[in-house]
PDB file of N, CA and C in Angstrom:
ATOM      1  N   UNK A   1      63.252 -65.838 -59.104  1.00  0.00           N
ATOM      2  CA  UNK A   1      62.829 -66.001 -60.466  1.00  0.00           C
ATOM      3  C   UNK A   1      61.413 -66.553 -60.535  1.00  0.00           C
ATOM      4  N   UNK A   2      61.086 -67.498 -59.648  1.00  0.00           N
ATOM      5  CA  UNK A   2      59.744 -68.058 -59.659  1.00  0.00           C
ATOM      6  C   UNK A   2      58.706 -67.037 -59.227  1.00  0.00           C
ATOM      7  N   UNK A   3      59.119 -66.113 -58.346  1.00  0.00           N
ATOM      8  CA  UNK A   3      58.195 -65.054 -57.931  1.00  0.00           C
ATOM      9  C   UNK A   3      57.853 -64.149 -59.121  1.00  0.00           C
ATOM     10  N   UNK A   4      58.871 -63.852 -59.917  1.00  0.00           N
ATOM     11  CA  UNK A   4      58.653 -63.014 -61.095  1.00  0.00           C
ATOM     12  C   UNK A   4      57.729 -63.713 -62.092  1.00  0.00           C
ATOM     13  N   UNK A   5      57.990 -64.997 -62.338  1.00  0.00           N
ATOM     14  CA  UNK A   5      57.115 -65.752 -63.241  1.00  0.00           C
ATOM     15  C   UNK A   5      55.712 -65.874 -62.663  1.00  0.00           C
ATOM     16  N   UNK A   6      55.609 -66.002 -61.360  1.00  0.00           N
ATOM     17  CA  UNK A   6      54.300 -66.080 -60.709  1.00  0.00           C
ATOM     18  C   UNK A   6      53.519 -64.788 -60.868  1.00  0.00           C
ATOM     19  N   UNK A   7      54.226 -63.655 -60.828  1.00  0.00           N
ATOM     20  CA  UNK A   7      53.550 -62.376 -61.028  1.00  0.00           C
ATOM     21  C   UNK A   7      53.090 -62.209 -62.479  1.00  0.00           C
ATOM     22  N   UNK A   8      53.915 -62.668 -63.408  1.00  0.00           N
ATOM     23  CA  UNK A   8      53.568 -62.530 -64.825  1.00  0.00           C
ATOM     24  C   UNK A   8      52.426 -63.477 -65.200  1.00  0.00           C
ATOM     25  N   UNK A   9      52.544 -64.729 -64.787  1.00  0.00           N
ATOM     26  CA  UNK A   9      51.559 -65.747 -65.159  1.00  0.00           C
ATOM     27  C   UNK A   9      50.662 -66.106 -63.984  1.00  0.00           C
ATOM     28  N   UNK A  10      50.071 -65.121 -63.378  1.00  0.00           N
ATOM     29  CA  UNK A  10      49.151 -65.344 -62.273  1.00  0.00           C
ATOM     30  C   UNK A  10      47.895 -66.036 -62.814  1.00  0.00           C
ATOM     31  N   UNK A  11      47.569 -67.240 -62.313  1.00  0.00           N
ATOM     32  CA  UNK A  11      46.425 -67.979 -62.864  1.00  0.00           C
ATOM     33  C   UNK A  11      45.104 -67.226 -62.706  1.00  0.00           C
ATOM     34  N   UNK A  12      44.929 -66.491 -61.615  1.00  0.00           N
ATOM     35  CA  UNK A  12      43.684 -65.755 -61.426  1.00  0.00           C
ATOM     36  C   UNK A  12      43.565 -64.629 -62.456  1.00  0.00           C
ATOM     37  N   UNK A  13      44.643 -63.862 -62.657  1.00  0.00           N
ATOM     38  CA  UNK A  13      44.604 -62.777 -63.635  1.00  0.00           C
ATOM     39  C   UNK A  13      44.478 -63.328 -65.058  1.00  0.00           C
ATOM     40  N   UNK A  14      45.149 -64.464 -65.313  1.00  0.00           N
ATOM     41  CA  UNK A  14      45.070 -65.063 -66.634  1.00  0.00           C
ATOM     42  C   UNK A  14      43.644 -65.532 -66.921  1.00  0.00           C
ATOM     43  N   UNK A  15      43.005 -66.155 -65.952  1.00  0.00           N
ATOM     44  CA  UNK A  15      41.616 -66.600 -66.112  1.00  0.00           C
ATOM     45  C   UNK A  15      40.672 -65.421 -66.304  1.00  0.00           C
ATOM     46  N   UNK A  16      40.858 -64.362 -65.527  1.00  0.00           N
ATOM     47  CA  UNK A  16      40.010 -63.174 -65.671  1.00  0.00           C
ATOM     48  C   UNK A  16      40.175 -62.535 -67.046  1.00  0.00           C
ATOM     49  N   UNK A  17      41.413 -62.479 -67.528  1.00  0.00           N
ATOM     50  CA  UNK A  17      41.631 -61.866 -68.838  1.00  0.00           C
ATOM     51  C   UNK A  17      41.060 -62.745 -69.955  1.00  0.00           C
ATOM     52  N   UNK A  18      41.134 -64.069 -69.812  1.00  0.00           N
ATOM     53  CA  UNK A  18      40.534 -64.949 -70.801  1.00  0.00           C
ATOM     54  C   UNK A  18      39.011 -64.789 -70.833  1.00  0.00           C
ATOM     55  N   UNK A  19      38.390 -64.754 -69.671  1.00  0.00           N
ATOM     56  CA  UNK A  19      36.937 -64.581 -69.598  1.00  0.00           C
ATOM     57  C   UNK A  19      36.539 -63.227 -70.170  1.00  0.00           C
ATOM     58  N   UNK A  20      37.295 -62.199 -69.845  1.00  0.00           N
ATOM     59  CA  UNK A  20      37.007 -60.864 -70.365  1.00  0.00           C
ATOM     60  C   UNK A  20      37.134 -60.834 -71.889  1.00  0.00           C
ATOM     61  N   UNK A  21      38.166 -61.494 -72.430  1.00  0.00           N
ATOM     62  CA  UNK A  21      38.350 -61.533 -73.878  1.00  0.00           C
ATOM     63  C   UNK A  21      37.233 -62.275 -74.582  1.00  0.00           C
ATOM     64  N   UNK A  22      36.812 -63.392 -74.013  1.00  0.00           N
ATOM     65  CA  UNK A  22      35.706 -64.156 -74.610  1.00  0.00           C
ATOM     66  C   UNK A  22      34.418 -63.363 -74.535  1.00  0.00           C
ATOM     67  N   UNK A  23      34.200 -62.674 -73.419  1.00  0.00           N
ATOM     68  CA  UNK A  23      32.990 -61.867 -73.261  1.00  0.00           C
ATOM     69  C   UNK A  23      32.947 -60.724 -74.283  1.00  0.00           C
ATOM     70  N   UNK A  24      34.098 -60.126 -74.558  1.00  0.00           N
ATOM     71  CA  UNK A  24      34.137 -59.032 -75.539  1.00  0.00           C
ATOM     72  C   UNK A  24      33.997 -59.553 -76.967  1.00  0.00           C
ATOM     73  N   UNK A  25      34.381 -60.807 -77.199  1.00  0.00           N
ATOM     74  CA  UNK A  25      34.309 -61.367 -78.550  1.00  0.00           C
ATOM     75  C   UNK A  25      32.878 -61.734 -78.938  1.00  0.00           C
ATOM     76  N   UNK A  26      32.053 -62.075 -77.962  1.00  0.00           N
ATOM     77  CA  UNK A  26      30.668 -62.464 -78.243  1.00  0.00           C
ATOM     78  C   UNK A  26      29.771 -61.286 -77.891  1.00  0.00           C
ATOM     79  N   UNK A  27      29.091 -60.743 -78.904  1.00  0.00           N
ATOM     80  CA  UNK A  27      28.251 -59.567 -78.704  1.00  0.00           C
ATOM     81  C   UNK A  27      26.776 -59.962 -78.585  1.00  0.00           C
ATOM     82  N   UNK A  28      26.116 -59.352 -77.643  1.00  0.00           N
ATOM     83  CA  UNK A  28      24.671 -59.525 -77.538  1.00  0.00           C
ATOM     84  C   UNK A  28      23.993 -58.512 -78.457  1.00  0.00           C
ATOM     85  N   UNK A  29      22.693 -58.639 -78.619  1.00  0.00           N
ATOM     86  CA  UNK A  29      21.960 -57.704 -79.481  1.00  0.00           C
ATOM     87  C   UNK A  29      22.033 -56.279 -78.940  1.00  0.00           C
ATOM     88  N   UNK A  30      21.980 -56.127 -77.621  1.00  0.00           N
ATOM     89  CA  UNK A  30      22.063 -54.797 -77.020  1.00  0.00           C
ATOM     90  C   UNK A  30      23.428 -54.162 -77.270  1.00  0.00           C
ATOM     91  N   UNK A  31      24.481 -54.973 -77.152  1.00  0.00           N
ATOM     92  CA  UNK A  31      25.824 -54.446 -77.411  1.00  0.00           C
ATOM     93  C   UNK A  31      25.985 -54.063 -78.879  1.00  0.00           C
ATOM     94  N   UNK A  32      25.396 -54.858 -79.780  1.00  0.00           N
ATOM     95  CA  UNK A  32      25.454 -54.525 -81.204  1.00  0.00           C
ATOM     96  C   UNK A  32      24.751 -53.197 -81.474  1.00  0.00           C
ATOM     97  N   UNK A  33      23.600 -52.988 -80.831  1.00  0.00           N
ATOM     98  CA  UNK A  33      22.878 -51.727 -81.005  1.00  0.00           C
ATOM     99  C   UNK A  33      23.679 -50.549 -80.455  1.00  0.00           C
ATOM    100  N   UNK A  34      24.322 -50.758 -79.306  1.00  0.00           N
ATOM    101  CA  UNK A  34      25.148 -49.687 -78.731  1.00  0.00           C
ATOM    102  C   UNK A  34      26.308 -49.335 -79.659  1.00  0.00           C
ATOM    103  N   UNK A  35      26.968 -50.356 -80.213  1.00  0.00           N
ATOM    104  CA  UNK A  35      28.077 -50.101 -81.141  1.00  0.00           C
ATOM    105  C   UNK A  35      27.581 -49.417 -82.415  1.00  0.00           C
ATOM    106  N   UNK A  36      26.383 -49.800 -82.885  1.00  0.00           N
ATOM    107  CA  UNK A  36      25.834 -49.186 -84.093  1.00  0.00           C
ATOM    108  C   UNK A  36      25.515 -47.712 -83.846  1.00  0.00           C
ATOM    109  N   UNK A  37      24.996 -47.390 -82.657  1.00  0.00           N
ATOM    110  CA  UNK A  37      24.709 -45.987 -82.339  1.00  0.00           C
ATOM    111  C   UNK A  37      26.003 -45.170 -82.271  1.00  0.00           C
ATOM    112  N   UNK A  38      27.036 -45.739 -81.694  1.00  0.00           N
ATOM    113  CA  UNK A  38      28.329 -45.050 -81.662  1.00  0.00           C
ATOM    114  C   UNK A  38      28.883 -44.875 -83.071  1.00  0.00           C
ATOM    115  N   UNK A  39      28.691 -45.880 -83.921  1.00  0.00           N
ATOM    116  CA  UNK A  39      29.185 -45.807 -85.288  1.00  0.00           C
ATOM    117  C   UNK A  39      28.440 -44.739 -86.086  1.00  0.00           C
ATOM    118  N   UNK A  40      27.136 -44.603 -85.863  1.00  0.00           N
ATOM    119  CA  UNK A  40      26.359 -43.588 -86.577  1.00  0.00           C
ATOM    120  C   UNK A  40      26.843 -42.182 -86.252  1.00  0.00           C
ATOM    121  N   UNK A  41      27.208 -41.950 -85.004  1.00  0.00           N
ATOM    122  CA  UNK A  41      27.721 -40.634 -84.612  1.00  0.00           C
ATOM    123  C   UNK A  41      29.052 -40.365 -85.308  1.00  0.00           C
ATOM    124  N   UNK A  42      29.899 -41.376 -85.414  1.00  0.00           N
ATOM    125  CA  UNK A  42      31.186 -41.204 -86.087  1.00  0.00           C
ATOM    126  C   UNK A  42      31.028 -41.073 -87.601  1.00  0.00           C
ATOM    127  N   UNK A  43      29.927 -41.563 -88.133  1.00  0.00           N
ATOM    128  CA  UNK A  43      29.682 -41.581 -89.574  1.00  0.00           C
ATOM    129  C   UNK A  43      29.078 -40.267 -90.078  1.00  0.00           C
ATOM    130  N   UNK A  44      28.593 -39.407 -89.172  1.00  0.00           N
ATOM    131  CA  UNK A  44      27.916 -38.163 -89.560  1.00  0.00           C
ATOM    132  C   UNK A  44      28.801 -37.217 -90.383  1.00  0.00           C
ATOM    133  N   UNK A  45      30.052 -36.966 -90.035  1.00  0.00           N
ATOM    134  CA  UNK A  45      30.862 -36.060 -90.874  1.00  0.00           C
ATOM    135  C   UNK A  45      31.050 -36.586 -92.299  1.00  0.00           C
ATOM    136  N   UNK A  46      31.170 -37.891 -92.438  1.00  0.00           N
ATOM    137  CA  UNK A  46      31.300 -38.476 -93.766  1.00  0.00           C
ATOM    138  C   UNK A  46      30.036 -38.237 -94.582  1.00  0.00           C
ATOM    139  N   UNK A  47      28.874 -38.425 -93.971  1.00  0.00           N
ATOM    140  CA  UNK A  47      27.611 -38.204 -94.679  1.00  0.00           C
ATOM    141  C   UNK A  47      27.461 -36.740 -95.077  1.00  0.00           C
ATOM    142  N   UNK A  48      27.879 -35.823 -94.222  1.00  0.00           N
ATOM    143  CA  UNK A  48      27.807 -34.401 -94.551  1.00  0.00           C
ATOM    144  C   UNK A  48      28.703 -34.078 -95.742  1.00  0.00           C
ATOM    145  N   UNK A  49      29.925 -34.592 -95.730  1.00  0.00           N
ATOM    146  CA  UNK A  49      30.839 -34.365 -96.860  1.00  0.00           C
ATOM    147  C   UNK A  49      30.291 -34.995 -98.134  1.00  0.00           C
ATOM    148  N   UNK A  50      29.679 -36.148 -97.991  1.00  0.00           N
ATOM    149  CA  UNK A  50      29.087 -36.829 -99.135  1.00  0.00           C
ATOM    150  C   UNK A  50      27.956 -35.992 -99.738  1.00  0.00           C
ATOM    151  N   UNK A  51      27.126 -35.408 -98.905  1.00  0.00           N
ATOM    152  CA  UNK A  51      26.033 -34.562 -99.393  1.00  0.00           C
ATOM    153  C   UNK A  51      26.563 -33.307-100.079  1.00  0.00           C
ATOM    154  N   UNK A  52      27.576 -32.681 -99.495  1.00  0.00           N
ATOM    155  CA  UNK A  52      28.142 -31.459-100.081  1.00  0.00           C
ATOM    156  C   UNK A  52      28.723 -31.757-101.457  1.00  0.00           C
ATOM    157  N   UNK A  53      29.478 -32.840-101.574  1.00  0.00           N
ATOM    158  CA  UNK A  53      30.062 -33.204-102.870  1.00  0.00           C
ATOM    159  C   UNK A  53      28.965 -33.503-103.883  1.00  0.00           C
ATOM    160  N   UNK A  54      27.948 -34.237-103.478  1.00  0.00           N
ATOM    161  CA  UNK A  54      26.854 -34.568-104.397  1.00  0.00           C
ATOM    162  C   UNK A  54      26.129 -33.307-104.854  1.00  0.00           C
ATOM    163  N   UNK A  55      25.879 -32.385-103.943  1.00  0.00           N
ATOM    164  CA  UNK A  55      25.172 -31.150-104.304  1.00  0.00           C
ATOM    165  C   UNK A  55      26.030 -30.276-105.217  1.00  0.00           C
ATOM    166  N   UNK A  56      27.321 -30.136-104.915  1.00  0.00           N
ATOM    167  CA  UNK A  56      28.201 -29.295-105.734  1.00  0.00           C
ATOM    168  C   UNK A  56      28.302 -29.790-107.171  1.00  0.00           C
ATOM    169  N   UNK A  57      28.617 -31.060-107.346  1.00  0.00           N
ATOM    170  CA  UNK A  57      28.800 -31.574-108.700  1.00  0.00           C
ATOM    171  C   UNK A  57      27.474 -31.643-109.457  1.00  0.00           C
ATOM    172  N   UNK A  58      26.415 -32.058-108.774  1.00  0.00           N
ATOM    173  CA  UNK A  58      25.122 -32.158-109.453  1.00  0.00           C
ATOM    174  C   UNK A  58      24.605 -30.788-109.836  1.00  0.00           C
ATOM    175  N   UNK A  59      24.750 -29.800-108.963  1.00  0.00           N
ATOM    176  CA  UNK A  59      24.262 -28.462-109.294  1.00  0.00           C
ATOM    177  C   UNK A  59      25.066 -27.851-110.444  1.00  0.00           C
ATOM    178  N   UNK A  60      26.372 -28.070-110.478  1.00  0.00           N
ATOM    179  CA  UNK A  60      27.170 -27.562-111.600  1.00  0.00           C
ATOM    180  C   UNK A  60      26.757 -28.225-112.905  1.00  0.00           C
ATOM    181  N   UNK A  61      26.542 -29.523-112.861  1.00  0.00           N
ATOM    182  CA  UNK A  61      26.124 -30.264-114.051  1.00  0.00           C
ATOM    183  C   UNK A  61      24.766 -29.772-114.549  1.00  0.00           C
ATOM    184  N   UNK A  62      23.808 -29.613-113.646  1.00  0.00           N
ATOM    185  CA  UNK A  62      22.473 -29.162-114.041  1.00  0.00           C
ATOM    186  C   UNK A  62      22.500 -27.713-114.512  1.00  0.00           C
ATOM    187  N   UNK A  63      23.296 -26.873-113.871  1.00  0.00           N
ATOM    188  CA  UNK A  63      23.381 -25.472-114.272  1.00  0.00           C
ATOM    189  C   UNK A  63      23.932 -25.329-115.698  1.00  0.00           C
ATOM    190  N   UNK A  64      24.964 -26.100-116.014  1.00  0.00           N
ATOM    191  CA  UNK A  64      25.514 -26.045-117.369  1.00  0.00           C
ATOM    192  C   UNK A  64      24.487 -26.539-118.379  1.00  0.00           C
ATOM    193  N   UNK A  65      23.767 -27.592-118.044  1.00  0.00           N
ATOM    194  CA  UNK A  65      22.725 -28.087-118.955  1.00  0.00           C
ATOM    195  C   UNK A  65      21.597 -27.073-119.109  1.00  0.00           C
ATOM    196  N   UNK A  66      21.237 -26.416-118.041  1.00  0.00           N
ATOM    197  CA  UNK A  66      20.178 -25.406-118.117  1.00  0.00           C
ATOM    198  C   UNK A  66      20.614 -24.232-118.992  1.00  0.00           C
ATOM    199  N   UNK A  67      21.838 -23.774-118.816  1.00  0.00           N
ATOM    200  CA  UNK A  67      22.322 -22.654-119.632  1.00  0.00           C
ATOM    201  C   UNK A  67      22.419 -23.037-121.105  1.00  0.00           C
ATOM    202  N   UNK A  68      22.876 -24.254-121.383  1.00  0.00           N
ATOM    203  CA  UNK A  68      22.941 -24.672-122.783  1.00  0.00           C
ATOM    204  C   UNK A  68      21.551 -24.890-123.364  1.00  0.00           C
ATOM    205  N   UNK A  69      20.593 -25.313-122.560  1.00  0.00           N
ATOM    206  CA  UNK A  69      19.221 -25.474-123.054  1.00  0.00           C
ATOM    207  C   UNK A  69      18.621 -24.115-123.410  1.00  0.00           C
ATOM    208  N   UNK A  70      18.865 -23.126-122.570  1.00  0.00           N
ATOM    209  CA  UNK A  70      18.355 -21.769-122.854  1.00  0.00           C
ATOM    210  C   UNK A  70      19.023 -21.224-124.124  1.00  0.00           C
ATOM    211  N   UNK A  71      20.329 -21.433-124.226  1.00  0.00           N
ATOM    212  CA  UNK A  71      21.045 -20.956-125.407  1.00  0.00           C
ATOM    213  C   UNK A  71      20.572 -21.697-126.660  1.00  0.00           C
ATOM    214  N   UNK A  72      20.327 -22.980-126.529  1.00  0.00           N
ATOM    215  CA  UNK A  72      19.821 -23.766-127.657  1.00  0.00           C
ATOM    216  C   UNK A  72      18.445 -23.249-128.092  1.00  0.00           C
ATOM    217  N   UNK A  73      17.606 -22.924-127.138  1.00  0.00           N
ATOM    218  CA  UNK A  73      16.285 -22.371-127.435  1.00  0.00           C
ATOM    219  C   UNK A  73      16.411 -21.044-128.189  1.00  0.00           C
ATOM    220  N   UNK A  74      17.329 -20.189-127.749  1.00  0.00           N
ATOM    221  CA  UNK A  74      17.546 -18.902-128.426  1.00  0.00           C
ATOM    222  C   UNK A  74      18.072 -19.125-129.844  1.00  0.00           C
ATOM    223  N   UNK A  75      18.989 -20.087-130.010  1.00  0.00           N
ATOM    224  CA  UNK A  75      19.513 -20.385-131.348  1.00  0.00           C
ATOM    225  C   UNK A  75      18.398 -20.876-132.264  1.00  0.00           C
ATOM    226  N   UNK A  76      17.502 -21.690-131.747  1.00  0.00           N
ATOM    227  CA  UNK A  76      16.394 -22.196-132.560  1.00  0.00           C
ATOM    228  C   UNK A  76      15.451 -21.062-132.936  1.00  0.00           C
ATOM    229  N   UNK A  77      15.167 -20.164-131.987  1.00  0.00           N
ATOM    230  CA  UNK A  77      14.278 -19.032-132.289  1.00  0.00           C
ATOM    231  C   UNK A  77      14.871 -18.118-133.350  1.00  0.00           C
ATOM    232  N   UNK A  78      16.167 -17.924-133.317  1.00  0.00           N
ATOM    233  CA  UNK A  78      16.825 -17.029-134.286  1.00  0.00           C
ATOM    234  C   UNK A  78      17.247 -17.764-135.556  1.00  0.00           C
ATOM    235  N   UNK A  79      16.932 -19.039-135.603  1.00  0.00           N
ATOM    236  CA  UNK A  79      17.245 -19.885-136.764  1.00  0.00           C
ATOM    237  C   UNK A  79      18.737 -19.905-137.071  1.00  0.00           C
ATOM    238  N   UNK A  80      19.525 -20.045-135.998  1.00  0.00           N
ATOM    239  CA  UNK A  80      20.980 -20.163-136.137  1.00  0.00           C
ATOM    240  C   UNK A  80      21.364 -21.642-136.110  1.00  0.00           C
ATOM    241  N   UNK A  81      22.612 -21.915-136.435  1.00  0.00           N
ATOM    242  CA  UNK A  81      23.097 -23.295-136.433  1.00  0.00           C
ATOM    243  C   UNK A  81      23.300 -23.771-134.989  1.00  0.00           C
ATOM    244  N   UNK A  82      22.559 -24.811-134.521  1.00  0.00           N
ATOM    245  CA  UNK A  82      22.676 -25.257-133.119  1.00  0.00           C
ATOM    246  C   UNK A  82      23.826 -26.227-132.868  1.00  0.00           C
ATOM    247  N   UNK A  83      24.667 -26.509-133.858  1.00  0.00           N
ATOM    248  CA  UNK A  83      25.753 -27.477-133.667  1.00  0.00           C
ATOM    249  C   UNK A  83      26.736 -27.089-132.556  1.00  0.00           C
ATOM    250  N   UNK A  84      27.100 -25.813-132.404  1.00  0.00           N
ATOM    251  CA  UNK A  84      28.000 -25.483-131.279  1.00  0.00           C
ATOM    252  C   UNK A  84      27.364 -25.774-129.914  1.00  0.00           C
ATOM    253  N   UNK A  85      26.057 -25.558-129.830  1.00  0.00           N
ATOM    254  CA  UNK A  85      25.371 -25.808-128.548  1.00  0.00           C
ATOM    255  C   UNK A  85      25.276 -27.309-128.289  1.00  0.00           C
ATOM    256  N   UNK A  86      25.040 -28.072-129.322  1.00  0.00           N
ATOM    257  CA  UNK A  86      24.983 -29.528-129.158  1.00  0.00           C
ATOM    258  C   UNK A  86      26.344 -30.068-128.729  1.00  0.00           C
ATOM    259  N   UNK A  87      27.412 -29.477-129.245  1.00  0.00           N
ATOM    260  CA  UNK A  87      28.745 -29.909-128.793  1.00  0.00           C
ATOM    261  C   UNK A  87      28.982 -29.539-127.327  1.00  0.00           C
ATOM    262  N   UNK A  88      28.350 -28.447-126.850  1.00  0.00           N
ATOM    263  CA  UNK A  88      28.439 -28.111-125.418  1.00  0.00           C
ATOM    264  C   UNK A  88      27.709 -29.149-124.562  1.00  0.00           C
ATOM    265  N   UNK A  89      26.556 -29.610-125.024  1.00  0.00           N
ATOM    266  CA  UNK A  89      25.856 -30.698-124.325  1.00  0.00           C
ATOM    267  C   UNK A  89      26.760 -31.920-124.199  1.00  0.00           C
ATOM    268  N   UNK A  90      27.348 -32.301-125.316  1.00  0.00           N
ATOM    269  CA  UNK A  90      28.210 -33.488-125.328  1.00  0.00           C
ATOM    270  C   UNK A  90      29.435 -33.294-124.440  1.00  0.00           C
ATOM    271  N   UNK A  91      30.018 -32.095-124.476  1.00  0.00           N
ATOM    272  CA  UNK A  91      31.185 -31.819-123.633  1.00  0.00           C
ATOM    273  C   UNK A  91      30.815 -31.892-122.149  1.00  0.00           C
ATOM    274  N   UNK A  92      29.666 -31.342-121.793  1.00  0.00           N
ATOM    275  CA  UNK A  92      29.220 -31.393-120.398  1.00  0.00           C
ATOM    276  C   UNK A  92      28.970 -32.836-119.970  1.00  0.00           C
ATOM    277  N   UNK A  93      28.331 -33.614-120.826  1.00  0.00           N
ATOM    278  CA  UNK A  93      28.080 -35.016-120.487  1.00  0.00           C
ATOM    279  C   UNK A  93      29.376 -35.807-120.388  1.00  0.00           C
ATOM    280  N   UNK A  94      30.328 -35.524-121.279  1.00  0.00           N
ATOM    281  CA  UNK A  94      31.591 -36.259-121.243  1.00  0.00           C
ATOM    282  C   UNK A  94      32.454 -35.879-120.044  1.00  0.00           C
ATOM    283  N   UNK A  95      32.459 -34.595-119.676  1.00  0.00           N
ATOM    284  CA  UNK A  95      33.346 -34.158-118.598  1.00  0.00           C
ATOM    285  C   UNK A  95      32.721 -34.334-117.218  1.00  0.00           C
ATOM    286  N   UNK A  96      31.485 -33.889-117.037  1.00  0.00           N
ATOM    287  CA  UNK A  96      30.868 -33.967-115.712  1.00  0.00           C
ATOM    288  C   UNK A  96      29.851 -35.095-115.567  1.00  0.00           C
ATOM    289  N   UNK A  97      29.333 -35.591-116.665  1.00  0.00           N
ATOM    290  CA  UNK A  97      28.272 -36.594-116.598  1.00  0.00           C
ATOM    291  C   UNK A  97      28.685 -37.858-115.873  1.00  0.00           C
ATOM    292  N   UNK A  98      29.864 -38.371-116.207  1.00  0.00           N
ATOM    293  CA  UNK A  98      30.337 -39.596-115.564  1.00  0.00           C
ATOM    294  C   UNK A  98      30.594 -39.374-114.084  1.00  0.00           C
ATOM    295  N   UNK A  99      31.210 -38.247-113.752  1.00  0.00           N
ATOM    296  CA  UNK A  99      31.468 -37.945-112.333  1.00  0.00           C
ATOM    297  C   UNK A  99      30.178 -37.826-111.538  1.00  0.00           C
ATOM    298  N   UNK A 100      29.204 -37.143-112.105  1.00  0.00           N
ATOM    299  CA  UNK A 100      27.927 -36.964-111.398  1.00  0.00           C
ATOM    300  C   UNK A 100      27.238 -38.307-111.212  1.00  0.00           C
ATOM    301  N   UNK A 101      27.265 -39.146-112.222  1.00  0.00           N
ATOM    302  CA  UNK A 101      26.631 -40.457-112.095  1.00  0.00           C
ATOM    303  C   UNK A 101      27.324 -41.319-111.031  1.00  0.00           C
ATOM    304  N   UNK A 102      28.657 -41.247-110.966  1.00  0.00           N
ATOM    305  CA  UNK A 102      29.389 -42.013-109.953  1.00  0.00           C
ATOM    306  C   UNK A 102      29.074 -41.482-108.560  1.00  0.00           C
ATOM    307  N   UNK A 103      29.083 -40.158-108.400  1.00  0.00           N
ATOM    308  CA  UNK A 103      28.818 -39.559-107.087  1.00  0.00           C
ATOM    309  C   UNK A 103      27.401 -39.858-106.626  1.00  0.00           C
ATOM    310  N   UNK A 104      26.443 -39.651-107.494  1.00  0.00           N
ATOM    311  CA  UNK A 104      25.048 -39.927-107.135  1.00  0.00           C
ATOM    312  C   UNK A 104      24.849 -41.424-106.905  1.00  0.00           C
ATOM    313  N   UNK A 105      25.528 -42.241-107.714  1.00  0.00           N
ATOM    314  CA  UNK A 105      25.436 -43.688-107.514  1.00  0.00           C
ATOM    315  C   UNK A 105      25.960 -44.115-106.156  1.00  0.00           C
ATOM    316  N   UNK A 106      27.122 -43.596-105.752  1.00  0.00           N
ATOM    317  CA  UNK A 106      27.647 -43.923-104.432  1.00  0.00           C
ATOM    318  C   UNK A 106      26.759 -43.368-103.327  1.00  0.00           C
ATOM    319  N   UNK A 107      26.212 -42.191-103.557  1.00  0.00           N
ATOM    320  CA  UNK A 107      25.386 -41.559-102.528  1.00  0.00           C
ATOM    321  C   UNK A 107      24.125 -42.373-102.261  1.00  0.00           C
ATOM    322  N   UNK A 108      23.465 -42.803-103.324  1.00  0.00           N
ATOM    323  CA  UNK A 108      22.211 -43.535-103.141  1.00  0.00           C
ATOM    324  C   UNK A 108      22.410 -45.042-103.071  1.00  0.00           C
ATOM    325  N   UNK A 109      23.390 -45.564-103.778  1.00  0.00           N
ATOM    326  CA  UNK A 109      23.562 -47.020-103.826  1.00  0.00           C
ATOM    327  C   UNK A 109      24.107 -47.580-102.516  1.00  0.00           C
ATOM    328  N   UNK A 110      24.793 -46.757-101.721  1.00  0.00           N
ATOM    329  CA  UNK A 110      25.330 -47.259-100.454  1.00  0.00           C
ATOM    330  C   UNK A 110      24.242 -47.792 -99.547  1.00  0.00           C
ATOM    331  N   UNK A 111      23.189 -47.036 -99.368  1.00  0.00           N
ATOM    332  CA  UNK A 111      22.082 -47.480 -98.529  1.00  0.00           C
ATOM    333  C   UNK A 111      21.304 -48.615 -99.152  1.00  0.00           C
ATOM    334  N   UNK A 112      21.148 -48.574-100.474  1.00  0.00           N
ATOM    335  CA  UNK A 112      20.414 -49.630-101.161  1.00  0.00           C
ATOM    336  C   UNK A 112      21.150 -50.957-101.046  1.00  0.00           C
ATOM    337  N   UNK A 113      22.459 -50.938-101.269  1.00  0.00           N
ATOM    338  CA  UNK A 113      23.244 -52.165-101.174  1.00  0.00           C
ATOM    339  C   UNK A 113      23.269 -52.707 -99.748  1.00  0.00           C
ATOM    340  N   UNK A 114      23.383 -51.810 -98.786  1.00  0.00           N
ATOM    341  CA  UNK A 114      23.390 -52.242 -97.388  1.00  0.00           C
ATOM    342  C   UNK A 114      22.071 -52.901 -97.021  1.00  0.00           C
ATOM    343  N   UNK A 115      20.958 -52.289 -97.433  1.00  0.00           N
ATOM    344  CA  UNK A 115      19.642 -52.870 -97.156  1.00  0.00           C
ATOM    345  C   UNK A 115      19.451 -54.199 -97.857  1.00  0.00           C
ATOM    346  N   UNK A 116      19.946 -54.316 -99.082  1.00  0.00           N
ATOM    347  CA  UNK A 116      19.826 -55.571 -99.824  1.00  0.00           C
ATOM    348  C   UNK A 116      20.632 -56.678 -99.158  1.00  0.00           C
ATOM    349  N   UNK A 117      21.841 -56.359 -98.725  1.00  0.00           N
ATOM    350  CA  UNK A 117      22.678 -57.359 -98.056  1.00  0.00           C
ATOM    351  C   UNK A 117      22.018 -57.823 -96.764  1.00  0.00           C
ATOM    352  N   UNK A 118      21.444 -56.897 -95.999  1.00  0.00           N
ATOM    353  CA  UNK A 118      20.775 -57.280 -94.748  1.00  0.00           C
ATOM    354  C   UNK A 118      19.587 -58.184 -95.019  1.00  0.00           C
ATOM    355  N   UNK A 119      18.810 -57.892 -96.077  1.00  0.00           N
ATOM    356  CA  UNK A 119      17.656 -58.730 -96.389  1.00  0.00           C
ATOM    357  C   UNK A 119      18.080 -60.096 -96.895  1.00  0.00           C
ATOM    358  N   UNK A 120      19.182 -60.157 -97.651  1.00  0.00           N
ATOM    359  CA  UNK A 120      19.661 -61.444 -98.139  1.00  0.00           C
ATOM    360  C   UNK A 120      20.239 -62.299 -97.018  1.00  0.00           C
ATOM    361  N   UNK A 121      20.796 -61.679 -95.989  1.00  0.00           N
ATOM    362  CA  UNK A 121      21.329 -62.437 -94.856  1.00  0.00           C
ATOM    363  C   UNK A 121      20.203 -63.126 -94.102  1.00  0.00           C
ATOM    364  N   UNK A 122      19.040 -62.470 -94.021  1.00  0.00           N
ATOM    365  CA  UNK A 122      17.905 -63.068 -93.307  1.00  0.00           C
ATOM    366  C   UNK A 122      17.292 -64.122 -94.170  1.00  0.00           C
TER     367      UNK A 122
END
């Protein structure tokens, strides 16, 4: 029984594992840079998906506004009632406007907030 306990609680292995754990818990600047480089590689698919979502929603929002602006211009030239076109502007802003602002806000604010936090820490 003591041999079994001696194998489990070997003082040399226990000391080595404690030193290894403490060494892994305290990071040097070089280790932090290495981990950051590994993290950037893992973060690339997220950034690509983020760009695709931002481009899709923003382009749809701008395209609808562009089409309604052209239609509004035609209504003004023909001296027609522009109220239906104005309601299209409002509908586009109500349905896609908030989503586009949130998506663009997350897309650009992520880096801004991260940079601000880093500067405030220093």
